[in-house]
Amino acid sequence: MTHYDLISRNKQKSVLIIVLFTAFIVGATYIMARGFGFGLGIVGYALIFSGIMSFASYWWSDKIILSISGAHPATREEYFDFYTVTENLCLGQRMKMPKLYVIDDDAMNAFATGRDPDHAVVCATTGILGRLKREELEGVIAHELSHVQNYDIRLMSIVTILVGLVALLADWMLRMSMWGGGNRRRDRENGGQLQIIFFVVGLLLALLSPIIAQLIQLAISRQREYLADANGAGITKNPAGLARALEKISQDNLPLREANKATAHLYIENPFRNAQGSRSWFAGLFDTHPPIAERIKLLREM
């Protein structure tokens, strides 16, 4: 399998997941609104409220994330390989060079952030910069530049907004229903069996939809990691370099001190990964990243 085949396959999977996610949100919102006796106007209010908050978070996302992570700017003099590897890869791709930041941490990890390629940031820990060979570092940086080129940060921001919207709608409808809002009581008194079914299904969706939405978000995040691996291998023409880098990262058991759940999906590998070995299929649904062994296997097959 070539990296072009892998890119095509993962793009198709990502599009399918996003379409299904959108269909789920529309369907769940309709059923909850119908079941609780609310007009669909509540969706408009939720969109406005969620949109204002999400826009602010999205516009200043890079500054917020860098601050949370305790990162500082990387200079060419102090981090020569990091700077020159990124510079050379960007020249080869004819893309604007992102700002470079470093986290003082012995754990091996890296991430990209920023709302678009013109406002991108690539950040790496001192642990990964100090322990990877140059060609391995090229693989990691190419992976992060792929996230920038593919607008993955923008995509995940949109998905995060949708997940937040589902949680917000479910919470509002549950609370307003408990307060007797909507026309639910009147509809049930009228004896409509269909309305009772809508109410039961709507109640289940209100309780479960935030979890389902989060699972879909994590599935999209995992697909984007596969895509970035394939694109990164295409940029360097050396999939073995990234595979060796991932092997070293997988053997690193040091915890990333500045990691948190809000930024975990950004990193090249989950900073909260379980170092104990295999995990169940169900537990894997809640992972922000695909299994690193599977990623290495696919890179080796290119």
Protein backbone atom coordinates (compact mmCIF):
# COMPACT_ATOMS: atom_id res chain seq x y z
CA MET A 1 0.00 0.00 0.00
CA THR A 2 1.41 3.39 -0.98
CA HIS A 3 0.98 6.51 1.13
CA TYR A 4 -1.32 7.85 -1.60
CA ASP A 5 -3.65 4.86 -1.11
CA LEU A 6 -3.63 5.40 2.64
CA ILE A 7 -4.34 9.12 2.25
CA SER A 8 -7.29 8.41 -0.08
CA ARG A 9 -8.74 5.76 2.23
CA ASN A 10 -8.50 7.91 5.33
CA LYS A 11 -9.97 10.96 3.59
CA GLN A 12 -12.98 8.88 2.61
CA LYS A 13 -13.37 7.59 6.16
CA SER A 14 -13.10 11.10 7.60
CA VAL A 15 -15.74 12.49 5.21
CA LEU A 16 -18.08 9.59 6.02
CA ILE A 17 -17.69 10.11 9.76
CA ILE A 18 -18.35 13.86 9.49
CA VAL A 19 -21.47 13.28 7.34
CA LEU A 20 -22.77 10.71 9.85
CA PHE A 21 -21.94 13.09 12.71
CA THR A 22 -23.93 15.90 11.13
CA ALA A 23 -26.84 13.56 10.42
CA PHE A 24 -26.75 12.35 14.04
CA ILE A 25 -26.87 15.93 15.38
CA VAL A 26 -29.79 16.90 13.13
CA GLY A 27 -31.71 13.72 13.95
CA ALA A 28 -31.02 13.83 17.69
CA THR A 29 -31.99 17.51 17.91
CA TYR A 30 -35.26 16.92 16.07
CA ILE A 31 -36.23 13.94 18.22
CA MET A 32 -35.31 15.68 21.50
CA ALA A 33 -37.21 18.84 20.52
CA ARG A 34 -40.23 16.81 19.38
CA GLY A 35 -40.14 14.54 22.41
CA PHE A 36 -39.93 17.35 24.95
CA GLY A 37 -42.45 19.50 23.12
CA PHE A 38 -40.09 22.33 22.19
CA GLY A 39 -39.93 24.30 18.98
CA LEU A 40 -36.79 24.02 16.88
CA GLY A 41 -36.11 27.69 17.68
CA ILE A 42 -34.18 26.51 20.73
CA VAL A 43 -31.54 25.18 18.35
CA GLY A 44 -31.03 28.69 16.94
CA TYR A 45 -30.46 30.17 20.40
CA ALA A 46 -28.04 27.39 21.28
CA LEU A 47 -26.13 27.92 18.01
CA ILE A 48 -25.76 31.65 18.68
CA PHE A 49 -24.60 31.17 22.25
CA SER A 50 -22.27 28.30 21.42
CA GLY A 51 -20.98 30.08 18.31
CA ILE A 52 -19.94 33.22 20.18
CA MET A 53 -18.02 31.27 22.80
CA SER A 54 -16.49 28.89 20.25
CA PHE A 55 -15.40 31.71 17.92
CA ALA A 56 -13.47 33.37 20.74
CA SER A 57 -11.82 30.07 21.66
CA TYR A 58 -11.03 29.30 18.00
CA TRP A 59 -9.59 32.75 17.18
CA TRP A 60 -7.18 32.72 20.13
CA SER A 61 -6.76 28.94 20.29
CA ASP A 62 -3.00 28.97 19.65
CA LYS A 63 -2.28 31.47 22.44
CA ILE A 64 -4.56 29.64 24.86
CA ILE A 65 -3.04 26.23 24.10
CA LEU A 66 0.57 27.46 24.27
CA SER A 67 -0.13 29.16 27.58
CA ILE A 68 -1.77 26.05 29.02
CA SER A 69 1.16 23.92 27.83
CA GLY A 70 3.84 26.19 29.29
CA ALA A 71 5.55 26.56 25.90
CA HIS A 72 8.14 29.20 24.96
CA PRO A 73 9.49 30.33 21.54
CA ALA A 74 12.27 28.25 19.99
CA THR A 75 15.27 30.10 18.55
CA ARG A 76 17.41 28.91 15.64
CA GLU A 77 20.55 29.14 17.75
CA GLU A 78 19.28 27.04 20.67
CA TYR A 79 17.25 24.47 18.71
CA PHE A 80 19.12 24.32 15.40
CA ASP A 81 17.85 20.92 14.19
CA PHE A 82 14.24 21.72 15.09
CA TYR A 83 14.42 25.05 13.26
CA THR A 84 16.30 23.89 10.15
CA VAL A 85 14.30 20.66 9.71
CA THR A 86 11.05 22.65 9.79
CA GLU A 87 12.50 25.31 7.49
CA ASN A 88 13.66 22.74 4.90
CA LEU A 89 10.35 20.85 4.92
CA CYS A 90 8.38 24.07 4.50
CA LEU A 91 10.56 25.15 1.60
CA GLY A 92 9.99 21.78 -0.07
CA GLN A 93 6.22 22.11 0.41
CA ARG A 94 6.17 25.82 -0.51
CA MET A 95 4.27 26.59 2.67
CA LYS A 96 4.69 29.37 5.19
CA MET A 97 6.94 28.36 8.05
CA PRO A 98 4.99 28.06 11.32
CA LYS A 99 6.11 29.59 14.57
CA LEU A 100 8.17 27.16 16.62
CA TYR A 101 7.72 26.59 20.35
CA VAL A 102 9.29 24.29 22.90
CA ILE A 103 8.00 22.73 26.13
CA ASP A 104 10.66 22.03 28.75
CA ASP A 105 9.70 18.44 29.48
CA ASP A 106 11.62 15.15 29.23
CA ALA A 107 8.57 13.32 27.83
CA MET A 108 8.67 12.76 24.06
CA ASN A 109 5.83 14.51 22.26
CA ALA A 110 4.90 17.27 19.81
CA PHE A 111 1.81 18.99 18.42
CA ALA A 112 0.59 21.59 15.93
CA THR A 113 -1.99 24.28 16.55
CA GLY A 114 -3.30 27.49 14.99
CA ARG A 115 -6.45 28.35 13.09
CA ASP A 116 -4.92 28.09 9.58
CA PRO A 117 -1.54 27.69 7.79
CA ASP A 118 -0.88 31.44 8.09
CA HIS A 119 -1.23 31.31 11.87
CA ALA A 120 0.23 27.89 12.59
CA VAL A 121 2.45 26.78 15.45
CA VAL A 122 4.51 23.60 15.82
CA CYS A 123 5.53 22.77 19.35
CA ALA A 124 7.87 20.02 20.58
CA THR A 125 9.13 18.91 23.95
CA THR A 126 12.81 19.08 24.83
CA GLY A 127 12.59 15.32 25.36
CA ILE A 128 11.71 14.58 21.75
CA LEU A 129 14.19 17.12 20.38
CA GLY A 130 17.03 15.65 22.41
CA ARG A 131 16.41 11.96 21.74
CA LEU A 132 15.45 11.72 18.06
CA LYS A 133 17.88 11.53 15.17
CA ARG A 134 17.47 14.15 12.46
CA GLU A 135 15.59 11.89 10.00
CA GLU A 136 13.27 10.77 12.83
CA LEU A 137 12.64 14.38 13.77
CA GLU A 138 11.87 15.08 10.10
CA GLY A 139 9.14 12.44 10.24
CA VAL A 140 7.59 14.00 13.36
CA ILE A 141 7.70 17.55 11.98
CA ALA A 142 6.30 16.39 8.62
CA HIS A 143 3.43 14.75 10.52
CA GLU A 144 2.66 18.03 12.30
CA LEU A 145 2.96 20.07 9.09
CA SER A 146 0.45 17.67 7.52
CA HIS A 147 -2.03 18.63 10.26
CA VAL A 148 -1.45 22.26 9.26
CA GLN A 149 -1.81 21.60 5.50
CA ASN A 150 -4.96 19.51 5.99
CA TYR A 151 -6.60 22.16 8.20
CA ASP A 152 -7.00 19.51 10.89
CA ILE A 153 -7.03 22.13 13.66
CA ARG A 154 -9.92 23.93 11.95
CA LEU A 155 -11.77 20.66 11.41
CA MET A 156 -11.37 19.57 15.03
CA SER A 157 -12.46 23.02 16.20
CA ILE A 158 -15.68 22.67 14.18
CA VAL A 159 -16.22 19.15 15.53
CA THR A 160 -15.59 20.37 19.09
CA ILE A 161 -18.22 23.10 18.56
CA LEU A 162 -20.71 20.48 17.35
CA VAL A 163 -19.99 18.24 20.34
CA GLY A 164 -20.47 21.21 22.67
CA LEU A 165 -23.71 22.10 20.91
CA VAL A 166 -25.09 18.58 21.39
CA ALA A 167 -24.19 18.63 25.10
CA LEU A 168 -25.67 22.11 25.49
CA LEU A 169 -28.95 21.21 23.77
CA ALA A 170 -29.32 17.97 25.72
CA ASP A 171 -28.69 19.76 29.03
CA TRP A 172 -31.09 22.61 28.22
CA MET A 173 -33.87 20.30 27.13
CA LEU A 174 -33.52 18.07 30.18
CA ARG A 175 -33.58 21.03 32.56
CA MET A 176 -36.47 22.78 30.83
CA SER A 177 -38.42 19.52 30.68
CA MET A 178 -38.02 19.06 34.43
CA TRP A 179 -39.35 22.60 34.89
CA GLY A 180 -42.40 21.68 32.81
CA GLY A 181 -41.33 23.60 29.70
CA GLY A 182 -42.59 22.99 26.20
CA ASN A 183 -45.81 21.31 25.21
CA ARG A 184 -44.86 17.80 26.35
CA ARG A 185 -47.47 17.51 29.11
CA ARG A 186 -50.28 18.76 26.91
CA ASP A 187 -49.24 16.47 24.07
CA ARG A 188 -49.17 13.45 26.37
CA GLU A 189 -52.54 14.35 27.85
CA ASN A 190 -53.95 14.36 24.33
CA GLY A 191 -53.07 10.65 24.27
CA GLY A 192 -50.66 10.69 21.37
CA GLN A 193 -48.79 7.35 21.45
CA LEU A 194 -46.35 8.65 18.88
CA GLN A 195 -45.56 11.59 21.15
CA ILE A 196 -44.89 9.21 24.04
CA ILE A 197 -42.44 7.29 21.85
CA PHE A 198 -40.74 10.54 20.85
CA PHE A 199 -40.51 11.49 24.54
CA VAL A 200 -38.89 8.19 25.57
CA VAL A 201 -36.42 8.23 22.67
CA GLY A 202 -35.75 11.93 23.21
CA LEU A 203 -35.01 11.30 26.87
CA LEU A 204 -32.55 8.53 25.99
CA LEU A 205 -30.86 10.74 23.41
CA ALA A 206 -30.64 13.64 25.87
CA LEU A 207 -28.81 11.34 28.28
CA LEU A 208 -26.63 9.52 25.75
CA SER A 209 -26.05 11.97 22.88
CA PRO A 210 -23.18 13.88 24.56
CA ILE A 211 -21.33 10.57 25.01
CA ILE A 212 -22.10 9.46 21.44
CA ALA A 213 -20.96 12.84 20.09
CA GLN A 214 -17.70 12.59 22.02
CA LEU A 215 -17.08 9.09 20.66
CA ILE A 216 -17.56 10.40 17.11
CA GLN A 217 -15.18 13.29 17.87
CA LEU A 218 -12.53 10.83 19.06
CA ALA A 219 -13.05 8.66 15.97
CA ILE A 220 -12.43 11.69 13.72
CA SER A 221 -9.32 12.56 15.75
CA ARG A 222 -7.95 9.04 15.25
CA GLN A 223 -8.60 9.16 11.49
CA ARG A 224 -6.75 12.47 11.20
CA GLU A 225 -3.72 10.90 12.88
CA TYR A 226 -3.63 8.12 10.28
CA LEU A 227 -3.94 10.73 7.53
CA ALA A 228 -1.16 12.89 9.00
CA ASP A 229 1.12 9.83 9.20
CA ALA A 230 0.52 9.06 5.53
CA ASN A 231 0.92 12.68 4.44
CA GLY A 232 4.04 13.07 6.57
CA ALA A 233 5.58 10.00 4.94
CA GLY A 234 4.75 11.51 1.54
CA ILE A 235 6.48 14.77 2.45
CA THR A 236 9.74 13.15 3.59
CA LYS A 237 9.58 10.15 1.21
CA ASN A 238 10.88 8.24 4.24
CA PRO A 239 8.10 6.47 6.19
CA ALA A 240 10.74 4.51 8.12
CA GLY A 241 11.92 7.73 9.79
CA LEU A 242 8.49 8.44 11.28
CA ALA A 243 8.04 4.75 12.17
CA ARG A 244 11.29 4.75 14.16
CA ALA A 245 10.28 8.00 15.86
CA LEU A 246 6.93 6.49 16.90
CA GLU A 247 8.72 3.41 18.21
CA LYS A 248 10.90 5.56 20.44
CA ILE A 249 7.87 7.58 21.57
CA SER A 250 5.97 4.37 22.39
CA GLN A 251 8.86 3.21 24.60
CA ASP A 252 8.89 6.48 26.54
CA ASN A 253 6.96 6.10 29.79
CA LEU A 254 7.64 9.57 31.16
CA PRO A 255 4.43 11.52 31.87
CA LEU A 256 3.98 14.87 30.15
CA ARG A 257 3.56 17.23 33.11
CA GLU A 258 1.70 19.98 31.25
CA ALA A 259 -0.74 17.69 29.42
CA ASN A 260 -4.48 17.95 30.03
CA LYS A 261 -7.61 16.45 28.51
CA ALA A 262 -8.40 19.63 26.56
CA THR A 263 -5.15 19.43 24.54
CA ALA A 264 -4.43 15.67 24.52
CA HIS A 265 -5.84 15.16 20.99
CA LEU A 266 -3.34 17.65 19.55
CA TYR A 267 -0.20 15.66 20.35
CA ILE A 268 1.45 13.20 17.97
CA GLU A 269 0.76 10.53 20.59
CA ASN A 270 -1.66 10.55 23.49
CA PRO A 271 0.18 12.01 26.52
CA PHE A 272 -2.11 9.90 28.75
CA ARG A 273 -1.47 6.67 26.85
CA ASN A 274 -1.56 3.46 28.86
CA ALA A 275 1.92 2.02 29.14
CA GLN A 276 0.58 -1.30 30.46
CA GLY A 277 0.10 -2.89 27.05
CA SER A 278 -3.06 -4.02 25.29
CA ARG A 279 -6.46 -2.55 26.02
CA SER A 280 -9.99 -3.70 25.37
CA TRP A 281 -11.88 -2.69 22.21
CA PHE A 282 -14.38 -0.73 24.30
CA ALA A 283 -11.64 1.22 26.12
CA GLY A 284 -10.08 1.99 22.75
CA LEU A 285 -13.22 3.89 21.71
CA PHE A 286 -12.29 6.59 24.21
CA ASP A 287 -8.70 7.00 22.94
CA THR A 288 -7.71 10.26 21.25
CA HIS A 289 -5.18 8.41 19.05
CA PRO A 290 -5.14 5.10 17.15
CA PRO A 291 -2.91 2.31 18.50
CA ILE A 292 0.69 3.32 17.93
CA ALA A 293 1.60 -0.27 16.93
CA GLU A 294 -0.98 -0.07 14.11
CA ARG A 295 0.42 3.27 12.94
CA ILE A 296 3.96 1.85 12.86
CA LYS A 297 2.72 -1.25 10.98
CA LEU A 298 1.06 0.87 8.28
CA LEU A 299 4.17 3.02 7.88
CA ARG A 300 6.34 -0.10 7.54
CA GLU A 301 4.07 -1.38 4.77
CA MET A 302 4.47 1.73 2.60
